[in-house]
């Protein structure tokens, strides 16, 4: 009958592999990069057949098909924020004088 070893005893008997710089560089090149996730926190806009909704998420940066909106409303670019910084951005958008608040106010009435 086999005896069970204590997990601590098993760990002591194992040797951790040693990674060289070449190994880490190879793994870094092998790992696919995660595309940037942005969320739009401005008002919903429907103009010239282009629709942009509040809290709409985009992968890979700001979408190119909204180029007409970027030229017409240059401040709209500031309202695309990284998803991981959403909470901080929502605080700033409600604080007078911040860049996000100014960008939101510039889109009022659109």
PDB file of N, CA and C in Angstrom:
ATOM      1  N   UNK A   1       0.831  -1.166   0.000  1.00  0.00           N
ATOM      2  CA  UNK A   1       0.000   0.000   0.000  1.00  0.00           C
ATOM      3  C   UNK A   1       0.887   1.246   0.000  1.00  0.00           C
ATOM      4  N   UNK A   2       0.522   2.236  -0.838  1.00  0.00           N
ATOM      5  CA  UNK A   2       1.313   3.459  -0.942  1.00  0.00           C
ATOM      6  C   UNK A   2       0.965   4.403   0.187  1.00  0.00           C
ATOM      7  N   UNK A   3       1.954   5.090   0.671  1.00  0.00           N
ATOM      8  CA  UNK A   3       1.707   6.061   1.725  1.00  0.00           C
ATOM      9  C   UNK A   3       1.635   7.447   1.114  1.00  0.00           C
ATOM     10  N   UNK A   4       0.787   8.249   1.687  1.00  0.00           N
ATOM     11  CA  UNK A   4       0.640   9.621   1.196  1.00  0.00           C
ATOM     12  C   UNK A   4       1.677  10.499   1.854  1.00  0.00           C
ATOM     13  N   UNK A   5       2.269  11.349   1.027  1.00  0.00           N
ATOM     14  CA  UNK A   5       3.258  12.284   1.560  1.00  0.00           C
ATOM     15  C   UNK A   5       2.584  13.597   1.902  1.00  0.00           C
ATOM     16  N   UNK A   6       3.130  14.229   2.845  1.00  0.00           N
ATOM     17  CA  UNK A   6       2.698  15.551   3.237  1.00  0.00           C
ATOM     18  C   UNK A   6       3.042  16.518   2.087  1.00  0.00           C
ATOM     19  N   UNK A   7       2.129  17.433   1.681  1.00  0.00           N
ATOM     20  CA  UNK A   7       2.444  18.371   0.595  1.00  0.00           C
ATOM     21  C   UNK A   7       3.726  19.158   0.830  1.00  0.00           C
ATOM     22  N   UNK A   8       4.049  19.469   2.081  1.00  0.00           N
ATOM     23  CA  UNK A   8       5.285  20.205   2.365  1.00  0.00           C
ATOM     24  C   UNK A   8       6.496  19.356   2.054  1.00  0.00           C
ATOM     25  N   UNK A   9       6.408  18.064   2.323  1.00  0.00           N
ATOM     26  CA  UNK A   9       7.512  17.165   2.022  1.00  0.00           C
ATOM     27  C   UNK A   9       7.722  17.077   0.514  1.00  0.00           C
ATOM     28  N   UNK A  10       6.624  17.062  -0.251  1.00  0.00           N
ATOM     29  CA  UNK A  10       6.723  16.998  -1.706  1.00  0.00           C
ATOM     30  C   UNK A  10       7.397  18.247  -2.258  1.00  0.00           C
ATOM     31  N   UNK A  11       7.035  19.403  -1.708  1.00  0.00           N
ATOM     32  CA  UNK A  11       7.614  20.666  -2.170  1.00  0.00           C
ATOM     33  C   UNK A  11       9.118  20.707  -1.904  1.00  0.00           C
ATOM     34  N   UNK A  12       9.544  20.156  -0.783  1.00  0.00           N
ATOM     35  CA  UNK A  12      10.963  20.173  -0.446  1.00  0.00           C
ATOM     36  C   UNK A  12      11.774  19.322  -1.410  1.00  0.00           C
ATOM     37  N   UNK A  13      11.167  18.249  -1.922  1.00  0.00           N
ATOM     38  CA  UNK A  13      11.865  17.365  -2.822  1.00  0.00           C
ATOM     39  C   UNK A  13      11.939  17.892  -4.244  1.00  0.00           C
ATOM     40  N   UNK A  14      11.159  18.895  -4.581  1.00  0.00           N
ATOM     41  CA  UNK A  14      11.131  19.445  -5.937  1.00  0.00           C
ATOM     42  C   UNK A  14      12.133  20.579  -6.073  1.00  0.00           C
ATOM     43  N   UNK A  15      12.664  20.692  -7.256  1.00  0.00           N
ATOM     44  CA  UNK A  15      13.594  21.780  -7.546  1.00  0.00           C
ATOM     45  C   UNK A  15      12.926  22.687  -8.572  1.00  0.00           C
ATOM     46  N   UNK A  16      12.877  23.958  -8.280  1.00  0.00           N
ATOM     47  CA  UNK A  16      12.261  24.912  -9.196  1.00  0.00           C
ATOM     48  C   UNK A  16      13.147  25.102 -10.415  1.00  0.00           C
ATOM     49  N   UNK A  17      12.540  25.164 -11.611  1.00  0.00           N
ATOM     50  CA  UNK A  17      13.354  25.369 -12.809  1.00  0.00           C
ATOM     51  C   UNK A  17      13.976  26.772 -12.806  1.00  0.00           C
ATOM     52  N   UNK A  18      15.159  26.867 -13.357  1.00  0.00           N
ATOM     53  CA  UNK A  18      15.855  28.143 -13.441  1.00  0.00           C
ATOM     54  C   UNK A  18      15.588  28.727 -14.821  1.00  0.00           C
ATOM     55  N   UNK A  19      15.077  29.957 -14.853  1.00  0.00           N
ATOM     56  CA  UNK A  19      14.787  30.624 -16.116  1.00  0.00           C
ATOM     57  C   UNK A  19      15.925  31.550 -16.481  1.00  0.00           C
ATOM     58  N   UNK A  20      16.326  31.485 -17.717  1.00  0.00           N
ATOM     59  CA  UNK A  20      17.359  32.389 -18.207  1.00  0.00           C
ATOM     60  C   UNK A  20      16.698  33.565 -18.892  1.00  0.00           C
ATOM     61  N   UNK A  21      17.475  34.571 -19.264  1.00  0.00           N
ATOM     62  CA  UNK A  21      16.935  35.725 -19.973  1.00  0.00           C
ATOM     63  C   UNK A  21      16.327  35.312 -21.302  1.00  0.00           C
ATOM     64  N   UNK A  22      16.933  34.342 -21.969  1.00  0.00           N
ATOM     65  CA  UNK A  22      16.421  33.887 -23.251  1.00  0.00           C
ATOM     66  C   UNK A  22      15.037  33.282 -23.090  1.00  0.00           C
ATOM     67  N   UNK A  23      14.825  32.520 -22.010  1.00  0.00           N
ATOM     68  CA  UNK A  23      13.524  31.905 -21.760  1.00  0.00           C
ATOM     69  C   UNK A  23      12.450  32.966 -21.556  1.00  0.00           C
ATOM     70  N   UNK A  24      12.757  33.989 -20.761  1.00  0.00           N
ATOM     71  CA  UNK A  24      11.765  35.020 -20.481  1.00  0.00           C
ATOM     72  C   UNK A  24      11.472  35.859 -21.715  1.00  0.00           C
ATOM     73  N   UNK A  25      12.483  36.125 -22.535  1.00  0.00           N
ATOM     74  CA  UNK A  25      12.255  36.887 -23.763  1.00  0.00           C
ATOM     75  C   UNK A  25      11.398  36.091 -24.728  1.00  0.00           C
ATOM     76  N   UNK A  26      11.651  34.799 -24.819  1.00  0.00           N
ATOM     77  CA  UNK A  26      10.880  33.946 -25.714  1.00  0.00           C
ATOM     78  C   UNK A  26       9.420  33.894 -25.263  1.00  0.00           C
ATOM     79  N   UNK A  27       9.196  33.768 -23.956  1.00  0.00           N
ATOM     80  CA  UNK A  27       7.826  33.719 -23.447  1.00  0.00           C
ATOM     81  C   UNK A  27       7.118  35.052 -23.652  1.00  0.00           C
ATOM     82  N   UNK A  28       7.843  36.153 -23.498  1.00  0.00           N
ATOM     83  CA  UNK A  28       7.234  37.464 -23.701  1.00  0.00           C
ATOM     84  C   UNK A  28       6.820  37.632 -25.154  1.00  0.00           C
ATOM     85  N   UNK A  29       7.625  37.156 -26.074  1.00  0.00           N
ATOM     86  CA  UNK A  29       7.292  37.270 -27.487  1.00  0.00           C
ATOM     87  C   UNK A  29       6.174  36.308 -27.848  1.00  0.00           C
ATOM     88  N   UNK A  30       6.066  35.196 -27.137  1.00  0.00           N
ATOM     89  CA  UNK A  30       5.062  34.186 -27.407  1.00  0.00           C
ATOM     90  C   UNK A  30       3.685  34.602 -26.895  1.00  0.00           C
ATOM     91  N   UNK A  31       3.629  35.339 -25.814  1.00  0.00           N
ATOM     92  CA  UNK A  31       2.378  35.738 -25.203  1.00  0.00           C
ATOM     93  C   UNK A  31       1.700  36.811 -26.058  1.00  0.00           C
ATOM     94  N   UNK A  32       0.464  36.551 -26.495  1.00  0.00           N
ATOM     95  CA  UNK A  32      -0.218  37.563 -27.298  1.00  0.00           C
ATOM     96  C   UNK A  32      -0.587  38.767 -26.434  1.00  0.00           C
ATOM     97  N   UNK A  33      -0.439  39.949 -26.996  1.00  0.00           N
ATOM     98  CA  UNK A  33      -0.778  41.150 -26.242  1.00  0.00           C
ATOM     99  C   UNK A  33      -2.296  41.325 -26.242  1.00  0.00           C
ATOM    100  N   UNK A  34      -2.801  41.786 -25.134  1.00  0.00           N
ATOM    101  CA  UNK A  34      -4.234  41.997 -24.982  1.00  0.00           C
ATOM    102  C   UNK A  34      -4.585  43.337 -25.623  1.00  0.00           C
ATOM    103  N   UNK A  35      -5.580  43.365 -26.509  1.00  0.00           N
ATOM    104  CA  UNK A  35      -5.932  44.640 -27.126  1.00  0.00           C
ATOM    105  C   UNK A  35      -6.496  45.605 -26.086  1.00  0.00           C
ATOM    106  N   UNK A  36      -6.231  46.861 -26.307  1.00  0.00           N
ATOM    107  CA  UNK A  36      -6.690  47.891 -25.377  1.00  0.00           C
ATOM    108  C   UNK A  36      -8.213  47.954 -25.384  1.00  0.00           C
ATOM    109  N   UNK A  37      -8.805  47.970 -24.203  1.00  0.00           N
ATOM    110  CA  UNK A  37     -10.252  48.076 -24.065  1.00  0.00           C
ATOM    111  C   UNK A  37     -10.597  49.482 -23.595  1.00  0.00           C
ATOM    112  N   UNK A  38     -11.381  50.183 -24.399  1.00  0.00           N
ATOM    113  CA  UNK A  38     -11.819  51.529 -24.042  1.00  0.00           C
ATOM    114  C   UNK A  38     -13.332  51.534 -23.900  1.00  0.00           C
ATOM    115  N   UNK A  39     -13.806  52.363 -22.983  1.00  0.00           N
ATOM    116  CA  UNK A  39     -15.241  52.533 -22.806  1.00  0.00           C
ATOM    117  C   UNK A  39     -15.565  54.012 -23.020  1.00  0.00           C
ATOM    118  N   UNK A  40     -16.649  54.262 -23.756  1.00  0.00           N
ATOM    119  CA  UNK A  40     -17.075  55.638 -24.036  1.00  0.00           C
ATOM    120  C   UNK A  40     -17.987  56.085 -22.909  1.00  0.00           C
ATOM    121  N   UNK A  41     -17.649  57.184 -22.233  1.00  0.00           N
ATOM    122  CA  UNK A  41     -18.429  57.649 -21.082  1.00  0.00           C
ATOM    123  C   UNK A  41     -19.158  58.963 -21.348  1.00  0.00           C
ATOM    124  N   UNK A  42     -19.242  59.360 -22.610  1.00  0.00           N
ATOM    125  CA  UNK A  42     -19.953  60.580 -22.965  1.00  0.00           C
ATOM    126  C   UNK A  42     -21.424  60.297 -23.259  1.00  0.00           C
ATOM    127  N   UNK A  43     -22.138  61.324 -23.711  1.00  0.00           N
ATOM    128  CA  UNK A  43     -23.565  61.144 -24.020  1.00  0.00           C
ATOM    129  C   UNK A  43     -23.754  60.315 -25.299  1.00  0.00           C
ATOM    130  N   UNK A  44     -24.908  59.690 -25.425  1.00  0.00           N
ATOM    131  CA  UNK A  44     -25.236  58.942 -26.637  1.00  0.00           C
ATOM    132  C   UNK A  44     -25.378  59.923 -27.791  1.00  0.00           C
ATOM    133  N   UNK A  45     -24.782  59.580 -28.918  1.00  0.00           N
ATOM    134  CA  UNK A  45     -24.805  60.455 -30.093  1.00  0.00           C
ATOM    135  C   UNK A  45     -25.283  59.647 -31.289  1.00  0.00           C
ATOM    136  N   UNK A  46     -26.256  60.197 -32.010  1.00  0.00           N
ATOM    137  CA  UNK A  46     -26.699  59.616 -33.287  1.00  0.00           C
ATOM    138  C   UNK A  46     -26.669  60.748 -34.301  1.00  0.00           C
ATOM    139  N   UNK A  47     -25.730  60.646 -35.240  1.00  0.00           N
ATOM    140  CA  UNK A  47     -25.569  61.726 -36.197  1.00  0.00           C
ATOM    141  C   UNK A  47     -25.043  61.182 -37.510  1.00  0.00           C
ATOM    142  N   UNK A  48     -25.658  61.539 -38.611  1.00  0.00           N
ATOM    143  CA  UNK A  48     -25.232  61.139 -39.952  1.00  0.00           C
ATOM    144  C   UNK A  48     -25.048  59.628 -40.090  1.00  0.00           C
ATOM    145  N   UNK A  49     -25.952  58.870 -39.502  1.00  0.00           N
ATOM    146  CA  UNK A  49     -25.875  57.417 -39.596  1.00  0.00           C
ATOM    147  C   UNK A  49     -24.862  56.785 -38.666  1.00  0.00           C
ATOM    148  N   UNK A  50     -24.243  57.583 -37.806  1.00  0.00           N
ATOM    149  CA  UNK A  50     -23.244  57.064 -36.859  1.00  0.00           C
ATOM    150  C   UNK A  50     -23.884  57.047 -35.474  1.00  0.00           C
ATOM    151  N   UNK A  51     -23.779  55.912 -34.811  1.00  0.00           N
ATOM    152  CA  UNK A  51     -24.324  55.798 -33.467  1.00  0.00           C
ATOM    153  C   UNK A  51     -23.225  55.501 -32.464  1.00  0.00           C
ATOM    154  N   UNK A  52     -23.250  56.203 -31.354  1.00  0.00           N
ATOM    155  CA  UNK A  52     -22.281  56.011 -30.283  1.00  0.00           C
ATOM    156  C   UNK A  52     -23.058  56.063 -28.976  1.00  0.00           C
ATOM    157  N   UNK A  53     -23.028  54.960 -28.231  1.00  0.00           N
ATOM    158  CA  UNK A  53     -23.802  54.873 -26.994  1.00  0.00           C
ATOM    159  C   UNK A  53     -22.919  55.049 -25.762  1.00  0.00           C
ATOM    160  N   UNK A  54     -23.513  55.593 -24.732  1.00  0.00           N
ATOM    161  CA  UNK A  54     -22.843  55.698 -23.450  1.00  0.00           C
ATOM    162  C   UNK A  54     -22.518  54.293 -22.952  1.00  0.00           C
ATOM    163  N   UNK A  55     -21.333  54.115 -22.393  1.00  0.00           N
ATOM    164  CA  UNK A  55     -20.840  52.843 -21.855  1.00  0.00           C
ATOM    165  C   UNK A  55     -20.585  51.784 -22.926  1.00  0.00           C
ATOM    166  N   UNK A  56     -20.449  52.197 -24.170  1.00  0.00           N
ATOM    167  CA  UNK A  56     -20.104  51.259 -25.238  1.00  0.00           C
ATOM    168  C   UNK A  56     -18.607  50.953 -25.138  1.00  0.00           C
ATOM    169  N   UNK A  57     -18.249  49.676 -25.237  1.00  0.00           N
ATOM    170  CA  UNK A  57     -16.862  49.236 -25.083  1.00  0.00           C
ATOM    171  C   UNK A  57     -16.270  48.919 -26.452  1.00  0.00           C
ATOM    172  N   UNK A  58     -15.019  49.324 -26.649  1.00  0.00           N
ATOM    173  CA  UNK A  58     -14.311  49.099 -27.911  1.00  0.00           C
ATOM    174  C   UNK A  58     -12.992  48.404 -27.620  1.00  0.00           C
ATOM    175  N   UNK A  59     -12.647  47.438 -28.447  1.00  0.00           N
ATOM    176  CA  UNK A  59     -11.366  46.728 -28.339  1.00  0.00           C
ATOM    177  C   UNK A  59     -10.397  47.282 -29.357  1.00  0.00           C
ATOM    178  N   UNK A  60      -9.153  47.472 -28.949  1.00  0.00           N
ATOM    179  CA  UNK A  60      -8.118  47.927 -29.882  1.00  0.00           C
ATOM    180  C   UNK A  60      -8.070  49.430 -30.065  1.00  0.00           C
ATOM    181  N   UNK A  61      -8.532  50.192 -29.109  1.00  0.00           N
ATOM    182  CA  UNK A  61      -8.455  51.654 -29.204  1.00  0.00           C
ATOM    183  C   UNK A  61      -9.734  52.279 -29.725  1.00  0.00           C
ATOM    184  N   UNK A  62      -9.636  53.574 -30.023  1.00  0.00           N
ATOM    185  CA  UNK A  62     -10.807  54.299 -30.533  1.00  0.00           C
ATOM    186  C   UNK A  62     -11.137  53.803 -31.942  1.00  0.00           C
ATOM    187  N   UNK A  63     -12.419  53.595 -32.233  1.00  0.00           N
ATOM    188  CA  UNK A  63     -12.800  53.066 -33.543  1.00  0.00           C
ATOM    189  C   UNK A  63     -12.588  54.077 -34.665  1.00  0.00           C
ATOM    190  N   UNK A  64     -12.096  53.595 -35.783  1.00  0.00           N
ATOM    191  CA  UNK A  64     -11.798  54.455 -36.929  1.00  0.00           C
ATOM    192  C   UNK A  64     -13.068  54.945 -37.617  1.00  0.00           C
ATOM    193  N   UNK A  65     -14.154  54.180 -37.530  1.00  0.00           N
ATOM    194  CA  UNK A  65     -15.378  54.577 -38.236  1.00  0.00           C
ATOM    195  C   UNK A  65     -16.048  55.812 -37.623  1.00  0.00           C
ATOM    196  N   UNK A  66     -15.552  56.282 -36.498  1.00  0.00           N
ATOM    197  CA  UNK A  66     -16.092  57.494 -35.872  1.00  0.00           C
ATOM    198  C   UNK A  66     -15.258  58.734 -36.208  1.00  0.00           C
ATOM    199  N   UNK A  67     -14.446  58.640 -37.247  1.00  0.00           N
ATOM    200  CA  UNK A  67     -13.536  59.728 -37.625  1.00  0.00           C
ATOM    201  C   UNK A  67     -14.275  61.054 -37.835  1.00  0.00           C
ATOM    202  N   UNK A  68     -15.472  60.999 -38.421  1.00  0.00           N
ATOM    203  CA  UNK A  68     -16.236  62.234 -38.642  1.00  0.00           C
ATOM    204  C   UNK A  68     -16.605  62.905 -37.322  1.00  0.00           C
ATOM    205  N   UNK A  69     -16.933  62.093 -36.313  1.00  0.00           N
ATOM    206  CA  UNK A  69     -17.246  62.677 -35.000  1.00  0.00           C
ATOM    207  C   UNK A  69     -16.010  63.285 -34.352  1.00  0.00           C
ATOM    208  N   UNK A  70     -14.858  62.653 -34.558  1.00  0.00           N
ATOM    209  CA  UNK A  70     -13.615  63.190 -33.982  1.00  0.00           C
ATOM    210  C   UNK A  70     -13.289  64.569 -34.563  1.00  0.00           C
ATOM    211  N   UNK A  71     -13.528  64.751 -35.854  1.00  0.00           N
ATOM    212  CA  UNK A  71     -13.222  66.048 -36.464  1.00  0.00           C
ATOM    213  C   UNK A  71     -14.252  67.099 -36.063  1.00  0.00           C
ATOM    214  N   UNK A  72     -15.514  66.685 -35.963  1.00  0.00           N
ATOM    215  CA  UNK A  72     -16.561  67.646 -35.591  1.00  0.00           C
ATOM    216  C   UNK A  72     -16.514  68.004 -34.100  1.00  0.00           C
ATOM    217  N   UNK A  73     -16.193  67.029 -33.267  1.00  0.00           N
ATOM    218  CA  UNK A  73     -16.116  67.228 -31.815  1.00  0.00           C
ATOM    219  C   UNK A  73     -14.769  66.711 -31.311  1.00  0.00           C
ATOM    220  N   UNK A  74     -13.719  67.517 -31.379  1.00  0.00           N
ATOM    221  CA  UNK A  74     -12.378  67.041 -31.004  1.00  0.00           C
ATOM    222  C   UNK A  74     -12.259  66.578 -29.548  1.00  0.00           C
ATOM    223  N   UNK A  75     -13.082  67.115 -28.656  1.00  0.00           N
ATOM    224  CA  UNK A  75     -13.000  66.746 -27.237  1.00  0.00           C
ATOM    225  C   UNK A  75     -13.572  65.353 -26.971  1.00  0.00           C
ATOM    226  N   UNK A  76     -14.256  64.779 -27.931  1.00  0.00           N
ATOM    227  CA  UNK A  76     -14.884  63.473 -27.730  1.00  0.00           C
ATOM    228  C   UNK A  76     -13.843  62.387 -27.485  1.00  0.00           C
ATOM    229  N   UNK A  77     -12.643  62.574 -28.011  1.00  0.00           N
ATOM    230  CA  UNK A  77     -11.577  61.571 -27.839  1.00  0.00           C
ATOM    231  C   UNK A  77     -11.240  61.358 -26.365  1.00  0.00           C
ATOM    232  N   UNK A  78     -11.363  62.396 -25.564  1.00  0.00           N
ATOM    233  CA  UNK A  78     -11.045  62.288 -24.139  1.00  0.00           C
ATOM    234  C   UNK A  78     -12.055  61.415 -23.393  1.00  0.00           C
ATOM    235  N   UNK A  79     -13.228  61.212 -23.980  1.00  0.00           N
ATOM    236  CA  UNK A  79     -14.278  60.451 -23.312  1.00  0.00           C
ATOM    237  C   UNK A  79     -14.188  58.951 -23.578  1.00  0.00           C
ATOM    238  N   UNK A  80     -13.162  58.526 -24.298  1.00  0.00           N
ATOM    239  CA  UNK A  80     -12.850  57.103 -24.443  1.00  0.00           C
ATOM    240  C   UNK A  80     -11.771  56.794 -23.414  1.00  0.00           C
ATOM    241  N   UNK A  81     -12.133  56.100 -22.355  1.00  0.00           N
ATOM    242  CA  UNK A  81     -11.191  55.848 -21.261  1.00  0.00           C
ATOM    243  C   UNK A  81     -10.939  54.346 -21.125  1.00  0.00           C
ATOM    244  N   UNK A  82      -9.771  53.954 -20.617  1.00  0.00           N
ATOM    245  CA  UNK A  82      -9.506  52.533 -20.397  1.00  0.00           C
ATOM    246  C   UNK A  82     -10.508  51.953 -19.395  1.00  0.00           C
ATOM    247  N   UNK A  83     -10.960  50.750 -19.660  1.00  0.00           N
ATOM    248  CA  UNK A  83     -11.949  50.110 -18.802  1.00  0.00           C
ATOM    249  C   UNK A  83     -11.451  49.987 -17.366  1.00  0.00           C
ATOM    250  N   UNK A  84     -10.169  49.711 -17.191  1.00  0.00           N
ATOM    251  CA  UNK A  84      -9.634  49.553 -15.842  1.00  0.00           C
ATOM    252  C   UNK A  84      -9.553  50.873 -15.064  1.00  0.00           C
ATOM    253  N   UNK A  85      -9.747  51.997 -15.732  1.00  0.00           N
ATOM    254  CA  UNK A  85      -9.734  53.302 -15.052  1.00  0.00           C
ATOM    255  C   UNK A  85     -11.121  53.949 -15.065  1.00  0.00           C
ATOM    256  N   UNK A  86     -12.153  53.132 -15.248  1.00  0.00           N
ATOM    257  CA  UNK A  86     -13.517  53.654 -15.362  1.00  0.00           C
ATOM    258  C   UNK A  86     -13.957  54.380 -14.091  1.00  0.00           C
ATOM    259  N   UNK A  87     -13.771  53.775 -12.930  1.00  0.00           N
ATOM    260  CA  UNK A  87     -14.232  54.394 -11.686  1.00  0.00           C
ATOM    261  C   UNK A  87     -13.583  55.754 -11.452  1.00  0.00           C
ATOM    262  N   UNK A  88     -12.295  55.833 -11.678  1.00  0.00           N
ATOM    263  CA  UNK A  88     -11.572  57.094 -11.507  1.00  0.00           C
ATOM    264  C   UNK A  88     -12.089  58.144 -12.501  1.00  0.00           C
ATOM    265  N   UNK A  89     -12.342  57.711 -13.735  1.00  0.00           N
ATOM    266  CA  UNK A  89     -12.811  58.624 -14.775  1.00  0.00           C
ATOM    267  C   UNK A  89     -14.212  59.141 -14.469  1.00  0.00           C
ATOM    268  N   UNK A  90     -15.069  58.289 -13.923  1.00  0.00           N
ATOM    269  CA  UNK A  90     -16.425  58.722 -13.576  1.00  0.00           C
ATOM    270  C   UNK A  90     -16.401  59.765 -12.457  1.00  0.00           C
ATOM    271  N   UNK A  91     -15.440  59.654 -11.549  1.00  0.00           N
ATOM    272  CA  UNK A  91     -15.300  60.675 -10.505  1.00  0.00           C
ATOM    273  C   UNK A  91     -14.862  62.004 -11.130  1.00  0.00           C
ATOM    274  N   UNK A  92     -13.908  61.922 -12.076  1.00  0.00           N
ATOM    275  CA  UNK A  92     -13.388  63.129 -12.706  1.00  0.00           C
ATOM    276  C   UNK A  92     -14.421  63.801 -13.599  1.00  0.00           C
ATOM    277  N   UNK A  93     -15.276  63.020 -14.237  1.00  0.00           N
ATOM    278  CA  UNK A  93     -16.245  63.606 -15.168  1.00  0.00           C
ATOM    279  C   UNK A  93     -17.268  64.468 -14.429  1.00  0.00           C
ATOM    280  N   UNK A  94     -17.489  64.168 -13.153  1.00  0.00           N
ATOM    281  CA  UNK A  94     -18.433  64.951 -12.353  1.00  0.00           C
ATOM    282  C   UNK A  94     -17.769  66.089 -11.589  1.00  0.00           C
ATOM    283  N   UNK A  95     -16.446  66.175 -11.666  1.00  0.00           N
ATOM    284  CA  UNK A  95     -15.710  67.221 -10.951  1.00  0.00           C
ATOM    285  C   UNK A  95     -15.451  68.389 -11.903  1.00  0.00           C
ATOM    286  N   UNK A  96     -15.961  69.553 -11.562  1.00  0.00           N
ATOM    287  CA  UNK A  96     -15.825  70.734 -12.412  1.00  0.00           C
ATOM    288  C   UNK A  96     -14.362  71.087 -12.640  1.00  0.00           C
ATOM    289  N   UNK A  97     -14.050  71.434 -13.896  1.00  0.00           N
ATOM    290  CA  UNK A  97     -12.708  71.890 -14.237  1.00  0.00           C
ATOM    291  C   UNK A  97     -11.775  70.806 -14.741  1.00  0.00           C
ATOM    292  N   UNK A  98     -12.151  69.555 -14.631  1.00  0.00           N
ATOM    293  CA  UNK A  98     -11.286  68.486 -15.133  1.00  0.00           C
ATOM    294  C   UNK A  98     -11.436  68.367 -16.647  1.00  0.00           C
ATOM    295  N   UNK A  99     -10.477  67.718 -17.274  1.00  0.00           N
ATOM    296  CA  UNK A  99     -10.514  67.554 -18.733  1.00  0.00           C
ATOM    297  C   UNK A  99     -11.740  66.757 -19.169  1.00  0.00           C
ATOM    298  N   UNK A 100     -12.081  65.725 -18.406  1.00  0.00           N
ATOM    299  CA  UNK A 100     -13.255  64.919 -18.767  1.00  0.00           C
ATOM    300  C   UNK A 100     -14.545  65.711 -18.621  1.00  0.00           C
ATOM    301  N   UNK A 101     -14.634  66.535 -17.575  1.00  0.00           N
ATOM    302  CA  UNK A 101     -15.817  67.363 -17.378  1.00  0.00           C
ATOM    303  C   UNK A 101     -15.955  68.388 -18.493  1.00  0.00           C
ATOM    304  N   UNK A 102     -14.851  68.985 -18.901  1.00  0.00           N
ATOM    305  CA  UNK A 102     -14.868  69.961 -19.997  1.00  0.00           C
ATOM    306  C   UNK A 102     -15.279  69.297 -21.301  1.00  0.00           C
ATOM    307  N   UNK A 103     -14.779  68.097 -21.550  1.00  0.00           N
ATOM    308  CA  UNK A 103     -15.137  67.369 -22.778  1.00  0.00           C
ATOM    309  C   UNK A 103     -16.633  67.037 -22.771  1.00  0.00           C
ATOM    310  N   UNK A 104     -17.158  66.632 -21.621  1.00  0.00           N
ATOM    311  CA  UNK A 104     -18.587  66.318 -21.527  1.00  0.00           C
ATOM    312  C   UNK A 104     -19.434  67.548 -21.754  1.00  0.00           C
ATOM    313  N   UNK A 105     -19.044  68.667 -21.158  1.00  0.00           N
ATOM    314  CA  UNK A 105     -19.805  69.903 -21.323  1.00  0.00           C
ATOM    315  C   UNK A 105     -19.772  70.404 -22.768  1.00  0.00           C
ATOM    316  N   UNK A 106     -18.681  70.133 -23.474  1.00  0.00           N
ATOM    317  CA  UNK A 106     -18.592  70.561 -24.879  1.00  0.00           C
ATOM    318  C   UNK A 106     -19.552  69.786 -25.775  1.00  0.00           C
ATOM    319  N   UNK A 107     -20.007  68.639 -25.313  1.00  0.00           N
ATOM    320  CA  UNK A 107     -20.936  67.826 -26.105  1.00  0.00           C
ATOM    321  C   UNK A 107     -22.394  68.003 -25.697  1.00  0.00           C
ATOM    322  N   UNK A 108     -22.657  68.908 -24.753  1.00  0.00           N
ATOM    323  CA  UNK A 108     -24.037  69.128 -24.334  1.00  0.00           C
ATOM    324  C   UNK A 108     -24.862  69.647 -25.491  1.00  0.00           C
ATOM    325  N   UNK A 109     -26.036  69.059 -25.656  1.00  0.00           N
ATOM    326  CA  UNK A 109     -26.932  69.493 -26.729  1.00  0.00           C
ATOM    327  C   UNK A 109     -26.679  68.798 -28.056  1.00  0.00           C
ATOM    328  N   UNK A 110     -25.781  67.834 -28.083  1.00  0.00           N
ATOM    329  CA  UNK A 110     -25.503  67.111 -29.324  1.00  0.00           C
ATOM    330  C   UNK A 110     -26.497  66.000 -29.471  1.00  0.00           C
TER     331      UNK A 110
END
